[in-house]
Amino acid sequence: MKRIKLLFLLTAGFITNTFSQATATATVTATIIAPIAIANALDMNFGNVAVQAGASGTAGTVVIAPAGTRTRTAGVTLPSTTGTFTAASFTIGGASGYTYVITIPSTGYIITKATTLETMTVGTFTSSPSSTGTLTGGSETLNIGATLNVGAGQVSGVYTNATGFDVTVNYN
């Protein structure tokens, strides 16, 4: 009888272990979204700018807002023959409805007159949207403005920065 009880207890122990375990299965899914992209649509141009002649002139600035308007300060004037002035414009593409962060230059860039190596500095970059954006329909326009620092008696001519400036966008 003791053997039967022992055999029964051992068998019950194995049966209990068999029924105390369960297994489930899960699937694995990943969704790859469209990579974010940025393309230059329009370069920045401060247009025609006039300065006071000679070293006794006064330095000043020209500000291009992201909306494309421009203003001036101090010894700079904006002549009626404006030339072409534009904020820089970029097209952002990616997954619709996703947000992204914008990184614009935080330091100035030098623009140079090629024939005499005279320079001016472009800085204080601003953007619209300002720091983040949302890809509505998978696309959005990003406009960049900045401030041109013009020296007193700045030498006339065309000034450029052939290497341009960088704007970076990343998904949040």
Protein backbone atom coordinates (compact mmCIF):
# COMPACT_ATOMS: atom_id res chain seq x y z
CA MET A 1 0.00 0.00 0.00
CA LYS A 2 2.85 2.30 0.78
CA ARG A 3 4.27 1.57 -2.65
CA ILE A 4 0.99 2.40 -4.33
CA LYS A 5 0.76 5.68 -2.41
CA LEU A 6 4.36 6.51 -3.34
CA LEU A 7 3.72 5.61 -6.98
CA PHE A 8 0.53 7.70 -6.94
CA LEU A 9 2.36 10.73 -5.45
CA LEU A 10 5.17 10.46 -8.01
CA THR A 11 2.69 10.19 -10.91
CA ALA A 12 0.63 13.14 -9.58
CA GLY A 13 3.84 15.21 -9.41
CA PHE A 14 4.60 14.54 -13.10
CA ILE A 15 1.02 15.27 -14.14
CA THR A 16 1.04 18.56 -12.20
CA ASN A 17 4.28 19.63 -13.88
CA THR A 18 2.88 18.78 -17.30
CA PHE A 19 -0.21 20.96 -16.75
CA SER A 20 1.62 23.88 -15.01
CA GLN A 21 3.35 24.99 -18.22
CA ALA A 22 1.85 26.95 -21.17
CA THR A 23 3.29 28.40 -24.38
CA ALA A 24 2.17 31.33 -26.55
CA THR A 25 3.53 32.72 -29.80
CA ALA A 26 4.03 36.37 -30.83
CA THR A 27 4.81 37.76 -34.26
CA VAL A 28 7.39 40.46 -34.98
CA THR A 29 6.59 43.51 -37.12
CA ALA A 30 8.61 46.56 -38.17
CA THR A 31 7.55 49.47 -40.37
CA ILE A 32 10.19 51.38 -42.27
CA ILE A 33 9.04 54.94 -42.95
CA ALA A 34 10.21 57.09 -45.83
CA PRO A 35 13.56 58.68 -45.01
CA ILE A 36 13.50 62.40 -44.36
CA ALA A 37 14.97 64.45 -47.19
CA ILE A 38 15.86 68.09 -47.80
CA ALA A 39 16.49 69.80 -51.13
CA ASN A 40 17.52 73.39 -51.87
CA ALA A 41 14.71 75.16 -53.74
CA LEU A 42 16.07 78.75 -53.68
CA ASP A 43 19.38 80.36 -52.62
CA MET A 44 19.55 83.35 -50.29
CA ASN A 45 20.14 86.72 -51.92
CA PHE A 46 20.31 90.11 -50.18
CA GLY A 47 19.77 92.03 -53.45
CA ASN A 48 21.24 95.46 -54.14
CA VAL A 49 22.63 97.27 -51.11
CA ALA A 50 24.13 100.79 -51.01
CA VAL A 51 26.65 102.07 -48.46
CA GLN A 52 28.09 105.46 -47.62
CA ALA A 53 31.33 106.11 -49.47
CA GLY A 54 34.73 105.97 -47.82
CA ALA A 55 36.00 104.80 -44.47
CA SER A 56 34.08 107.60 -42.75
CA GLY A 57 30.81 105.83 -43.63
CA THR A 58 28.79 103.88 -41.09
CA ALA A 59 28.52 100.12 -40.91
CA GLY A 60 25.06 98.57 -41.02
CA THR A 61 23.04 95.45 -41.66
CA VAL A 62 20.51 94.04 -44.08
CA VAL A 63 18.07 91.49 -42.68
CA ILE A 64 16.24 88.99 -44.89
CA ALA A 65 13.31 87.51 -42.96
CA PRO A 66 12.22 83.91 -43.67
CA ALA A 67 9.12 85.42 -45.34
CA GLY A 68 11.42 87.10 -47.88
CA THR A 69 11.09 90.71 -46.72
CA ARG A 70 14.18 92.78 -46.04
CA THR A 71 15.05 95.65 -43.73
CA ARG A 72 18.19 97.68 -43.08
CA THR A 73 20.00 99.49 -40.28
CA ALA A 74 22.50 102.35 -39.88
CA GLY A 75 24.79 103.17 -42.85
CA VAL A 76 23.08 100.85 -45.32
CA THR A 77 20.36 101.88 -47.74
CA LEU A 78 18.14 99.76 -49.96
CA PRO A 79 18.00 101.44 -53.39
CA SER A 80 14.83 101.55 -55.49
CA THR A 81 16.53 99.23 -57.98
CA THR A 82 16.30 96.39 -55.49
CA GLY A 83 17.82 93.58 -57.49
CA THR A 84 16.67 90.12 -56.54
CA PHE A 85 16.36 89.52 -52.81
CA THR A 86 15.11 86.22 -51.41
CA ALA A 87 15.26 84.11 -48.31
CA ALA A 88 16.71 80.64 -48.84
CA SER A 89 14.04 78.00 -49.35
CA PHE A 90 14.19 74.23 -48.94
CA THR A 91 11.70 71.45 -49.60
CA ILE A 92 11.44 68.86 -46.81
CA GLY A 93 10.07 65.42 -47.69
CA GLY A 94 9.32 62.29 -45.69
CA ALA A 95 6.56 60.39 -43.94
CA SER A 96 3.29 62.33 -43.74
CA GLY A 97 2.27 63.47 -40.27
CA TYR A 98 5.74 63.03 -38.76
CA THR A 99 7.49 65.89 -36.99
CA TYR A 100 11.09 66.90 -37.49
CA VAL A 101 13.65 69.16 -35.86
CA ILE A 102 15.50 71.87 -37.83
CA THR A 103 19.16 72.79 -37.32
CA ILE A 104 20.28 76.05 -38.90
CA PRO A 105 23.74 77.65 -38.68
CA SER A 106 24.58 79.06 -35.26
CA THR A 107 27.71 80.87 -36.42
CA GLY A 108 28.39 83.36 -39.18
CA TYR A 109 29.49 82.62 -42.72
CA ILE A 110 31.93 84.73 -44.68
CA ILE A 111 30.95 85.91 -48.15
CA THR A 112 33.76 87.16 -50.39
CA LYS A 113 34.22 89.45 -53.38
CA ALA A 114 36.21 87.22 -55.70
CA THR A 115 38.45 89.82 -57.35
CA THR A 116 39.70 91.66 -54.26
CA LEU A 117 38.94 89.20 -51.45
CA GLU A 118 36.88 91.80 -49.54
CA THR A 119 34.49 90.06 -47.12
CA MET A 120 31.23 90.45 -45.23
CA THR A 121 29.65 88.17 -42.62
CA VAL A 122 26.20 86.59 -42.79
CA GLY A 123 24.83 85.42 -39.43
CA THR A 124 21.83 85.37 -37.08
CA PHE A 125 20.03 82.78 -39.18
CA THR A 126 16.27 82.35 -38.64
CA SER A 127 13.77 79.91 -40.10
CA SER A 128 10.08 79.34 -40.69
CA PRO A 129 9.02 76.99 -39.24
CA SER A 130 11.39 78.00 -36.45
CA SER A 131 12.68 74.85 -34.73
CA THR A 132 10.36 71.97 -35.60
CA GLY A 133 7.97 71.20 -38.41
CA THR A 134 5.35 68.65 -39.38
CA LEU A 135 5.27 66.91 -42.74
CA THR A 136 1.70 67.54 -43.86
CA GLY A 137 1.05 65.39 -46.92
CA GLY A 138 4.68 64.27 -46.75
CA SER A 139 6.15 67.64 -47.76
CA GLU A 140 6.80 71.07 -46.30
CA THR A 141 8.64 74.26 -47.28
CA LEU A 142 11.36 75.57 -44.97
CA ASN A 143 12.47 79.20 -45.42
CA ILE A 144 15.71 80.59 -43.97
CA GLY A 145 16.55 84.25 -43.35
CA ALA A 146 19.72 85.88 -42.02
CA THR A 147 21.52 89.15 -41.32
CA LEU A 148 24.21 90.58 -43.62
CA ASN A 149 26.79 92.68 -41.78
CA VAL A 150 28.04 95.44 -44.08
CA GLY A 151 31.23 97.32 -43.22
CA ALA A 152 31.68 101.08 -43.37
CA GLY A 153 32.71 101.96 -46.94
CA GLN A 154 32.25 98.34 -48.09
CA VAL A 155 33.82 97.89 -51.54
CA SER A 156 31.22 97.54 -54.31
CA GLY A 157 30.84 94.23 -56.15
CA VAL A 158 29.21 90.81 -55.93
CA TYR A 159 29.97 88.81 -52.77
CA THR A 160 29.30 85.07 -52.50
CA ASN A 161 29.98 82.02 -50.41
CA ALA A 162 30.46 79.26 -52.98
CA THR A 163 30.28 76.51 -50.36
CA GLY A 164 26.92 77.70 -49.02
CA PHE A 165 25.56 76.98 -45.56
CA ASP A 166 24.13 73.78 -44.13
CA VAL A 167 20.58 73.17 -42.92
CA THR A 168 19.81 69.80 -41.30
CA VAL A 169 16.47 68.12 -40.57
CA ASN A 170 15.87 64.97 -38.50
CA TYR A 171 12.74 63.13 -37.46
CA ASN A 172 11.79 63.69 -33.82
